[in-house]
């Protein structure tokens, strides 16, 4: 079966991890905007959105645990860093240099290669 409980929990792990990691990027973007603009109102909204996204972390864990044990969710936690790297490069202009990608590349690929456990 293609979408058994473990696969759903792993998908929720990638989704939840992306939301949690993006929340950190949103909060940093909000702080940056508050510091750089004369009217910090938009920065406050961005920062508040990041905080709300960060508080959603337990929701993702509870949802994933209805389909499979916690280990399937937590093994995907590092995958959310990819979303944060893309967000940082696109929205904040903080792109990674090739040397930095070379160090992190094996860490991002390893969860995909290992596949679901028994």
C-alpha atoms as a PDB file:
ATOM      1  CA  UNK A   1       0.000   0.000   0.000  1.00  0.00           C
ATOM      2  CA  UNK A   2       1.405   3.360  -1.030  1.00  0.00           C
ATOM      3  CA  UNK A   3       0.049   5.549   1.762  1.00  0.00           C
ATOM      4  CA  UNK A   4       0.316   3.457   4.889  1.00  0.00           C
ATOM      5  CA  UNK A   5       0.514   5.046   8.327  1.00  0.00           C
ATOM      6  CA  UNK A   6       4.298   5.347   8.321  1.00  0.00           C
ATOM      7  CA  UNK A   7       4.358   7.235   5.031  1.00  0.00           C
ATOM      8  CA  UNK A   8       1.648   9.626   6.204  1.00  0.00           C
ATOM      9  CA  UNK A   9       3.537  10.248   9.446  1.00  0.00           C
ATOM     10  CA  UNK A  10       6.735  10.909   7.490  1.00  0.00           C
ATOM     11  CA  UNK A  11       4.915  13.337   5.195  1.00  0.00           C
ATOM     12  CA  UNK A  12       3.514  15.114   8.243  1.00  0.00           C
ATOM     13  CA  UNK A  13       7.045  15.152   9.653  1.00  0.00           C
ATOM     14  CA  UNK A  14       8.364  16.981   6.593  1.00  0.00           C
ATOM     15  CA  UNK A  15       5.394  19.354   6.626  1.00  0.00           C
ATOM     16  CA  UNK A  16       5.555  20.043  10.365  1.00  0.00           C
ATOM     17  CA  UNK A  17       9.308  20.445  10.305  1.00  0.00           C
ATOM     18  CA  UNK A  18       9.043  22.890   7.418  1.00  0.00           C
ATOM     19  CA  UNK A  19       6.493  24.956   9.324  1.00  0.00           C
ATOM     20  CA  UNK A  20       8.629  25.028  12.478  1.00  0.00           C
ATOM     21  CA  UNK A  21      11.828  25.924  10.620  1.00  0.00           C
ATOM     22  CA  UNK A  22      10.063  28.537   8.491  1.00  0.00           C
ATOM     23  CA  UNK A  23       8.703  30.083  11.681  1.00  0.00           C
ATOM     24  CA  UNK A  24      12.273  30.834  12.735  1.00  0.00           C
ATOM     25  CA  UNK A  25      12.917  32.482   9.379  1.00  0.00           C
ATOM     26  CA  UNK A  26       9.704  34.494   9.645  1.00  0.00           C
ATOM     27  CA  UNK A  27      10.632  35.737  13.098  1.00  0.00           C
ATOM     28  CA  UNK A  28      14.087  36.796  11.883  1.00  0.00           C
ATOM     29  CA  UNK A  29      12.537  38.526   8.872  1.00  0.00           C
ATOM     30  CA  UNK A  30      10.104  40.333  11.179  1.00  0.00           C
ATOM     31  CA  UNK A  31      12.899  41.543  13.418  1.00  0.00           C
ATOM     32  CA  UNK A  32      14.914  42.666  10.417  1.00  0.00           C
ATOM     33  CA  UNK A  33      11.968  44.611   9.016  1.00  0.00           C
ATOM     34  CA  UNK A  34      11.253  46.231  12.384  1.00  0.00           C
ATOM     35  CA  UNK A  35      14.869  47.369  12.587  1.00  0.00           C
ATOM     36  CA  UNK A  36      15.149  48.617   8.999  1.00  0.00           C
ATOM     37  CA  UNK A  37      11.847  50.441   8.423  1.00  0.00           C
ATOM     38  CA  UNK A  38      10.531  53.640   9.906  1.00  0.00           C
ATOM     39  CA  UNK A  39       7.111  52.043  10.467  1.00  0.00           C
ATOM     40  CA  UNK A  40       7.746  48.678  12.159  1.00  0.00           C
ATOM     41  CA  UNK A  41       4.087  47.587  11.937  1.00  0.00           C
ATOM     42  CA  UNK A  42       4.585  45.115   9.059  1.00  0.00           C
ATOM     43  CA  UNK A  43       7.567  43.614  10.849  1.00  0.00           C
ATOM     44  CA  UNK A  44       5.447  43.006  13.923  1.00  0.00           C
ATOM     45  CA  UNK A  45       2.851  41.120  11.888  1.00  0.00           C
ATOM     46  CA  UNK A  46       5.530  38.978  10.270  1.00  0.00           C
ATOM     47  CA  UNK A  47       7.106  38.266  13.659  1.00  0.00           C
ATOM     48  CA  UNK A  48       3.706  37.395  15.174  1.00  0.00           C
ATOM     49  CA  UNK A  49       2.999  35.027  12.284  1.00  0.00           C
ATOM     50  CA  UNK A  50       6.322  33.310  12.952  1.00  0.00           C
ATOM     51  CA  UNK A  51       5.449  32.880  16.618  1.00  0.00           C
ATOM     52  CA  UNK A  52       2.060  31.358  15.748  1.00  0.00           C
ATOM     53  CA  UNK A  53       3.719  28.986  13.286  1.00  0.00           C
ATOM     54  CA  UNK A  54       6.211  27.960  15.982  1.00  0.00           C
ATOM     55  CA  UNK A  55       3.412  27.233  18.444  1.00  0.00           C
ATOM     56  CA  UNK A  56       1.844  24.816  15.940  1.00  0.00           C
ATOM     57  CA  UNK A  57       4.633  22.247  16.500  1.00  0.00           C
ATOM     58  CA  UNK A  58       2.699  20.080  19.002  1.00  0.00           C
ATOM     59  CA  UNK A  59      -0.238  19.909  16.590  1.00  0.00           C
ATOM     60  CA  UNK A  60       1.933  18.258  13.928  1.00  0.00           C
ATOM     61  CA  UNK A  61       3.320  15.731  16.411  1.00  0.00           C
ATOM     62  CA  UNK A  62      -0.142  14.794  17.700  1.00  0.00           C
ATOM     63  CA  UNK A  63      -1.458  14.443  14.159  1.00  0.00           C
ATOM     64  CA  UNK A  64       1.463  12.280  13.030  1.00  0.00           C
ATOM     65  CA  UNK A  65       1.191  10.061  16.123  1.00  0.00           C
ATOM     66  CA  UNK A  66      -2.316   9.032  15.076  1.00  0.00           C
ATOM     67  CA  UNK A  67      -0.785   7.271  12.059  1.00  0.00           C
ATOM     68  CA  UNK A  68       2.534   5.848  13.291  1.00  0.00           C
ATOM     69  CA  UNK A  69       5.006   5.948  16.209  1.00  0.00           C
ATOM     70  CA  UNK A  70       6.851   9.180  16.917  1.00  0.00           C
ATOM     71  CA  UNK A  71      10.099   7.970  15.362  1.00  0.00           C
ATOM     72  CA  UNK A  72       8.622   8.300  11.852  1.00  0.00           C
ATOM     73  CA  UNK A  73       7.787  11.955  12.478  1.00  0.00           C
ATOM     74  CA  UNK A  74      11.017  12.929  14.202  1.00  0.00           C
ATOM     75  CA  UNK A  75      13.229  11.244  11.596  1.00  0.00           C
ATOM     76  CA  UNK A  76      12.034  13.816   9.061  1.00  0.00           C
ATOM     77  CA  UNK A  77      12.849  16.846  11.230  1.00  0.00           C
ATOM     78  CA  UNK A  78      15.986  17.763   9.310  1.00  0.00           C
ATOM     79  CA  UNK A  79      14.102  17.931   6.019  1.00  0.00           C
ATOM     80  CA  UNK A  80      12.473  21.183   7.111  1.00  0.00           C
ATOM     81  CA  UNK A  81      15.865  22.839   6.846  1.00  0.00           C
ATOM     82  CA  UNK A  82      15.534  22.695   3.070  1.00  0.00           C
ATOM     83  CA  UNK A  83      12.466  24.942   3.254  1.00  0.00           C
ATOM     84  CA  UNK A  84      14.350  27.324   5.539  1.00  0.00           C
ATOM     85  CA  UNK A  85      17.346  27.454   3.166  1.00  0.00           C
ATOM     86  CA  UNK A  86      15.068  28.281   0.221  1.00  0.00           C
ATOM     87  CA  UNK A  87      13.185  30.898   2.277  1.00  0.00           C
ATOM     88  CA  UNK A  88      16.406  32.490   3.466  1.00  0.00           C
ATOM     89  CA  UNK A  89      17.762  32.727  -0.055  1.00  0.00           C
ATOM     90  CA  UNK A  90      14.560  34.009  -1.685  1.00  0.00           C
ATOM     91  CA  UNK A  91      13.148  36.363   0.962  1.00  0.00           C
ATOM     92  CA  UNK A  92      16.175  37.399   2.976  1.00  0.00           C
ATOM     93  CA  UNK A  93      18.985  37.235   0.425  1.00  0.00           C
ATOM     94  CA  UNK A  94      21.099  34.917   2.581  1.00  0.00           C
ATOM     95  CA  UNK A  95      22.097  32.280   0.055  1.00  0.00           C
ATOM     96  CA  UNK A  96      24.445  29.472   0.986  1.00  0.00           C
ATOM     97  CA  UNK A  97      27.843  29.180  -0.618  1.00  0.00           C
ATOM     98  CA  UNK A  98      28.740  25.870  -2.331  1.00  0.00           C
ATOM     99  CA  UNK A  99      31.131  24.958   0.480  1.00  0.00           C
ATOM    100  CA  UNK A 100      28.279  25.217   2.988  1.00  0.00           C
ATOM    101  CA  UNK A 101      26.051  23.015   0.835  1.00  0.00           C
ATOM    102  CA  UNK A 102      28.794  20.392   0.611  1.00  0.00           C
ATOM    103  CA  UNK A 103      28.799  20.011   4.383  1.00  0.00           C
ATOM    104  CA  UNK A 104      25.028  19.828   4.747  1.00  0.00           C
ATOM    105  CA  UNK A 105      24.266  17.796   1.627  1.00  0.00           C
ATOM    106  CA  UNK A 106      24.887  14.338   3.188  1.00  0.00           C
ATOM    107  CA  UNK A 107      22.792  15.298   6.205  1.00  0.00           C
ATOM    108  CA  UNK A 108      19.822  16.203   4.020  1.00  0.00           C
ATOM    109  CA  UNK A 109      20.015  13.169   1.751  1.00  0.00           C
ATOM    110  CA  UNK A 110      20.498  10.507   4.445  1.00  0.00           C
ATOM    111  CA  UNK A 111      16.844  10.418   5.654  1.00  0.00           C
ATOM    112  CA  UNK A 112      15.638   9.942   2.074  1.00  0.00           C
ATOM    113  CA  UNK A 113      18.031   7.066   1.385  1.00  0.00           C
ATOM    114  CA  UNK A 114      17.278   5.183   4.567  1.00  0.00           C
ATOM    115  CA  UNK A 115      13.546   4.863   3.778  1.00  0.00           C
ATOM    116  CA  UNK A 116      10.856   3.807   6.214  1.00  0.00           C
ATOM    117  CA  UNK A 117      11.712   1.301   8.937  1.00  0.00           C
ATOM    118  CA  UNK A 118       9.817  -1.795   9.936  1.00  0.00           C
END
